[in-house]
Amino acid sequence: MPQEPVLLDGPALAHALGVDPALVRKWAQRGKLTRKGTDGRGRALYDYAEALKVHAEMRRRRPLEQAEQANGTTLATPP
């Protein structure tokens, strides 16, 4: 039986992931996070499991981007 998704607003999601709320907004603006609805105050809600996957993907890409900057190459494909 599938579990109900855990939905969090942007600031709560950022806190849970240990990132800046601006980063969560950036992910949403770039289409990496899907808005799942709004709370009673009209704030966007996001699926915590989806956000964990995005966060893990970004962490995997970060060392590659740092290496590219260090040696002036571009190895990663653009998002």
N, C-alpha and C. Protein backbone atom coordinates (compact mmCIF):
# COMPACT_ATOMS: atom_id res chain seq x y z
N MET A 1 0.84 -1.18 0.00
CA MET A 1 0.00 0.00 0.00
C MET A 1 0.89 1.25 0.00
N PRO A 2 0.70 2.16 -0.95
CA PRO A 2 1.54 3.36 -1.01
C PRO A 2 1.29 4.27 0.19
N GLN A 3 2.36 4.89 0.65
CA GLN A 3 2.25 5.82 1.77
C GLN A 3 1.80 7.18 1.27
N GLU A 4 1.13 7.90 2.16
CA GLU A 4 0.75 9.28 1.86
C GLU A 4 2.03 10.11 1.78
N PRO A 5 2.14 11.01 0.81
CA PRO A 5 3.34 11.85 0.76
C PRO A 5 3.39 12.82 1.94
N VAL A 6 4.58 13.10 2.39
CA VAL A 6 4.79 14.10 3.43
C VAL A 6 4.97 15.43 2.72
N LEU A 7 4.03 16.34 2.92
CA LEU A 7 4.07 17.64 2.26
C LEU A 7 4.54 18.71 3.24
N LEU A 8 5.51 19.49 2.80
CA LEU A 8 6.07 20.56 3.62
C LEU A 8 6.11 21.85 2.82
N ASP A 9 5.95 22.98 3.52
CA ASP A 9 6.12 24.26 2.84
C ASP A 9 7.62 24.50 2.63
N GLY A 10 7.95 25.49 1.83
CA GLY A 10 9.35 25.76 1.48
C GLY A 10 10.28 25.94 2.66
N PRO A 11 9.95 26.82 3.62
CA PRO A 11 10.85 27.00 4.76
C PRO A 11 11.02 25.72 5.60
N ALA A 12 9.94 24.98 5.81
CA ALA A 12 10.04 23.73 6.59
C ALA A 12 10.87 22.70 5.83
N LEU A 13 10.69 22.64 4.52
CA LEU A 13 11.46 21.72 3.70
C LEU A 13 12.94 22.08 3.73
N ALA A 14 13.24 23.36 3.61
CA ALA A 14 14.62 23.81 3.66
C ALA A 14 15.26 23.43 4.99
N HIS A 15 14.52 23.64 6.08
CA HIS A 15 15.03 23.29 7.41
C HIS A 15 15.29 21.78 7.50
N ALA A 16 14.36 20.97 7.00
CA ALA A 16 14.51 19.52 7.06
C ALA A 16 15.72 19.03 6.26
N LEU A 17 16.02 19.72 5.16
CA LEU A 17 17.14 19.32 4.31
C LEU A 17 18.45 19.99 4.71
N GLY A 18 18.37 21.01 5.57
CA GLY A 18 19.56 21.73 5.97
C GLY A 18 20.09 22.66 4.89
N VAL A 19 19.17 23.23 4.09
CA VAL A 19 19.56 24.16 3.03
C VAL A 19 18.85 25.49 3.23
N ASP A 20 19.27 26.48 2.48
CA ASP A 20 18.65 27.80 2.54
C ASP A 20 17.29 27.76 1.83
N PRO A 21 16.28 28.42 2.36
CA PRO A 21 14.97 28.46 1.69
C PRO A 21 15.03 28.97 0.25
N ALA A 22 15.99 29.84 -0.04
CA ALA A 22 16.14 30.34 -1.41
C ALA A 22 16.49 29.20 -2.37
N LEU A 23 17.20 28.20 -1.89
CA LEU A 23 17.55 27.06 -2.73
C LEU A 23 16.30 26.24 -3.08
N VAL A 24 15.43 26.07 -2.13
CA VAL A 24 14.17 25.36 -2.39
C VAL A 24 13.35 26.12 -3.44
N ARG A 25 13.30 27.45 -3.31
CA ARG A 25 12.59 28.26 -4.31
C ARG A 25 13.22 28.11 -5.69
N LYS A 26 14.55 28.07 -5.73
CA LYS A 26 15.26 27.93 -7.00
C LYS A 26 14.93 26.58 -7.65
N TRP A 27 14.93 25.52 -6.86
CA TRP A 27 14.59 24.20 -7.39
C TRP A 27 13.18 24.20 -7.98
N ALA A 28 12.25 24.85 -7.27
CA ALA A 28 10.87 24.91 -7.74
C ALA A 28 10.78 25.73 -9.03
N GLN A 29 11.47 26.85 -9.09
CA GLN A 29 11.44 27.70 -10.29
C GLN A 29 12.05 26.99 -11.49
N ARG A 30 13.03 26.16 -11.26
CA ARG A 30 13.69 25.43 -12.35
C ARG A 30 12.97 24.13 -12.71
N GLY A 31 11.87 23.84 -12.02
CA GLY A 31 11.09 22.64 -12.33
C GLY A 31 11.63 21.36 -11.74
N LYS A 32 12.57 21.46 -10.83
CA LYS A 32 13.11 20.26 -10.18
C LYS A 32 12.19 19.76 -9.07
N LEU A 33 11.42 20.65 -8.47
CA LEU A 33 10.42 20.29 -7.46
C LEU A 33 9.04 20.63 -7.99
N THR A 34 8.12 19.73 -7.78
CA THR A 34 6.75 19.93 -8.23
C THR A 34 5.88 20.42 -7.07
N ARG A 35 5.18 21.50 -7.29
CA ARG A 35 4.26 22.03 -6.28
C ARG A 35 3.09 21.05 -6.16
N LYS A 36 2.81 20.62 -4.95
CA LYS A 36 1.76 19.62 -4.71
C LYS A 36 0.48 20.23 -4.16
N GLY A 37 0.46 21.53 -3.97
CA GLY A 37 -0.71 22.20 -3.44
C GLY A 37 -0.28 23.39 -2.61
N THR A 38 -1.23 23.89 -1.81
CA THR A 38 -0.93 25.01 -0.92
C THR A 38 -1.49 24.71 0.47
N ASP A 39 -0.90 25.36 1.45
CA ASP A 39 -1.41 25.20 2.82
C ASP A 39 -2.48 26.25 3.07
N GLY A 40 -2.96 26.34 4.29
CA GLY A 40 -4.01 27.29 4.65
C GLY A 40 -3.61 28.74 4.50
N ARG A 41 -2.31 29.00 4.45
CA ARG A 41 -1.82 30.38 4.29
C ARG A 41 -1.45 30.69 2.84
N GLY A 42 -1.67 29.74 1.94
CA GLY A 42 -1.36 29.95 0.54
C GLY A 42 0.08 29.64 0.15
N ARG A 43 0.85 29.06 1.06
CA ARG A 43 2.24 28.71 0.77
C ARG A 43 2.29 27.40 -0.01
N ALA A 44 3.21 27.34 -0.95
CA ALA A 44 3.39 26.13 -1.76
C ALA A 44 3.82 24.96 -0.88
N LEU A 45 3.33 23.78 -1.20
CA LEU A 45 3.70 22.56 -0.51
C LEU A 45 4.44 21.64 -1.47
N TYR A 46 5.48 20.99 -0.96
CA TYR A 46 6.31 20.10 -1.77
C TYR A 46 6.43 18.75 -1.09
N ASP A 47 6.60 17.71 -1.90
CA ASP A 47 6.75 16.34 -1.41
C ASP A 47 8.18 16.16 -0.87
N TYR A 48 8.27 15.77 0.39
CA TYR A 48 9.57 15.61 1.04
C TYR A 48 10.42 14.55 0.33
N ALA A 49 9.83 13.43 -0.09
CA ALA A 49 10.59 12.37 -0.76
C ALA A 49 11.17 12.88 -2.08
N GLU A 50 10.39 13.65 -2.83
CA GLU A 50 10.88 14.21 -4.09
C GLU A 50 12.04 15.18 -3.81
N ALA A 51 11.91 15.98 -2.78
CA ALA A 51 12.96 16.93 -2.42
C ALA A 51 14.24 16.22 -2.00
N LEU A 52 14.11 15.09 -1.31
CA LEU A 52 15.30 14.32 -0.93
C LEU A 52 16.05 13.85 -2.17
N LYS A 53 15.32 13.41 -3.20
CA LYS A 53 15.95 12.97 -4.44
C LYS A 53 16.66 14.12 -5.14
N VAL A 54 16.02 15.28 -5.20
CA VAL A 54 16.63 16.45 -5.82
C VAL A 54 17.89 16.85 -5.05
N HIS A 55 17.79 16.87 -3.74
CA HIS A 55 18.94 17.23 -2.91
C HIS A 55 20.10 16.27 -3.14
N ALA A 56 19.82 14.98 -3.20
CA ALA A 56 20.87 13.98 -3.44
C ALA A 56 21.50 14.17 -4.82
N GLU A 57 20.68 14.46 -5.82
CA GLU A 57 21.20 14.69 -7.18
C GLU A 57 22.11 15.91 -7.21
N MET A 58 21.69 16.97 -6.54
CA MET A 58 22.50 18.19 -6.52
C MET A 58 23.82 17.95 -5.79
N ARG A 59 23.80 17.15 -4.75
CA ARG A 59 25.03 16.86 -4.00
C ARG A 59 25.99 16.03 -4.84
N ARG A 60 25.45 15.12 -5.66
CA ARG A 60 26.31 14.31 -6.54
C ARG A 60 26.95 15.18 -7.62
N ARG A 61 26.22 16.15 -8.12
CA ARG A 61 26.72 17.01 -9.20
C ARG A 61 27.72 18.05 -8.69
N ARG A 62 27.62 18.43 -7.45
CA ARG A 62 28.46 19.52 -6.92
C ARG A 62 29.96 19.25 -7.06
N PRO A 63 30.48 18.06 -6.69
CA PRO A 63 31.92 17.83 -6.85
C PRO A 63 32.36 17.94 -8.31
N LEU A 64 31.53 17.50 -9.24
CA LEU A 64 31.87 17.59 -10.66
C LEU A 64 31.95 19.04 -11.09
N GLU A 65 31.01 19.85 -10.65
CA GLU A 65 31.02 21.27 -11.00
C GLU A 65 32.24 21.96 -10.41
N GLN A 66 32.61 21.60 -9.20
CA GLN A 66 33.79 22.20 -8.58
C GLN A 66 35.06 21.82 -9.34
N ALA A 67 35.15 20.58 -9.79
CA ALA A 67 36.31 20.13 -10.56
C ALA A 67 36.38 20.88 -11.89
N GLU A 68 35.25 21.09 -12.52
CA GLU A 68 35.22 21.82 -13.78
C GLU A 68 35.73 23.25 -13.59
N GLN A 69 35.29 23.89 -12.51
CA GLN A 69 35.72 25.26 -12.25
C GLN A 69 37.23 25.31 -11.99
N ALA A 70 37.74 24.31 -11.32
CA ALA A 70 39.16 24.28 -10.98
C ALA A 70 40.05 24.15 -12.20
N ASN A 71 39.60 23.36 -13.19
CA ASN A 71 40.47 23.17 -14.35
C ASN A 71 39.93 23.80 -15.63
N GLY A 72 38.85 24.58 -15.52
CA GLY A 72 38.33 25.34 -16.66
C GLY A 72 37.68 24.51 -17.74
N THR A 73 37.15 23.32 -17.42
CA THR A 73 36.47 22.48 -18.41
C THR A 73 34.99 22.40 -18.09
N THR A 74 34.25 21.83 -19.02
CA THR A 74 32.82 21.58 -18.82
C THR A 74 32.56 20.13 -19.16
N LEU A 75 32.36 19.32 -18.12
CA LEU A 75 32.12 17.89 -18.31
C LEU A 75 30.65 17.53 -18.15
N ALA A 76 29.95 18.25 -17.30
CA ALA A 76 28.54 17.92 -17.01
C ALA A 76 27.64 18.46 -18.11
N THR A 77 26.54 17.76 -18.32
CA THR A 77 25.54 18.25 -19.26
C THR A 77 24.71 19.31 -18.57
N PRO A 78 24.29 20.34 -19.29
CA PRO A 78 23.50 21.39 -18.66
C PRO A 78 22.16 20.86 -18.16
N PRO A 79 21.59 21.48 -17.11
CA PRO A 79 20.31 20.99 -16.56
C PRO A 79 19.17 21.18 -17.51
